[in-house]
Amino acid sequence: MRASEARVTRLIDLFAILIVALLVLLPQPSVVVQPAISGDKTDLDRLAVLEDALYRSPADVGAAVELARAYLRVEQPGWAVATLEPFLQRGDYQVHQVMAYAYATMLRPELALKQAEAGLSACEKSGPRCPDVAQIRIASDAAKGCAARLAGQEIPKFEDNEATLAD
């Protein structure tokens, strides 16, 4: 019986050594949690209000466009694109304008140009609801964003006050 007791003791010792080895040798958790969006409190509060507005009224194109613009202000163009995806088929020029700018920010000039063209087409279809200035801004925003990103510079922030193609 002593031999069987010795085997059980050795088995328990071996099991204890395995547990200690696992605890010592396993990697320690190294997850660093960071906020998904950084910005000043005003931008973050505005995002919360706009997200709430879109949640309450998920079919509101205006709320989606404003939220996407707010995402662009805090440098989250992918989130802007995801916000506007469900509204692409509605034919609203502002959706395409913001999408073009977001794609330009993400260095996707082919998609930016496609959205800018879709925005111009939507303007032509909507008639007087789409001012000529909006058509110029669609092209201007896409061009400014793409050119700046491709040059490795920060996208310039201009007021949307272009009135002619030369502006």
Foldseek 3Di string as FASTA:
>chain_A
DVVVVVVVVVVVVVVVVVVVCCVVPPDDDDDDDDDPFDDDPVLVVVLVVLVVVCVVPVVDQVSLLVNLVSCVVRPNLVVNCVSLVVVLVVLALSSLLSNLLSCLLVLNLVSSVVSLVSSLVSLVVVPPVRDPLSNLSSVVSNVQSNVQVVVVHDRDDDDSPDDDNVD
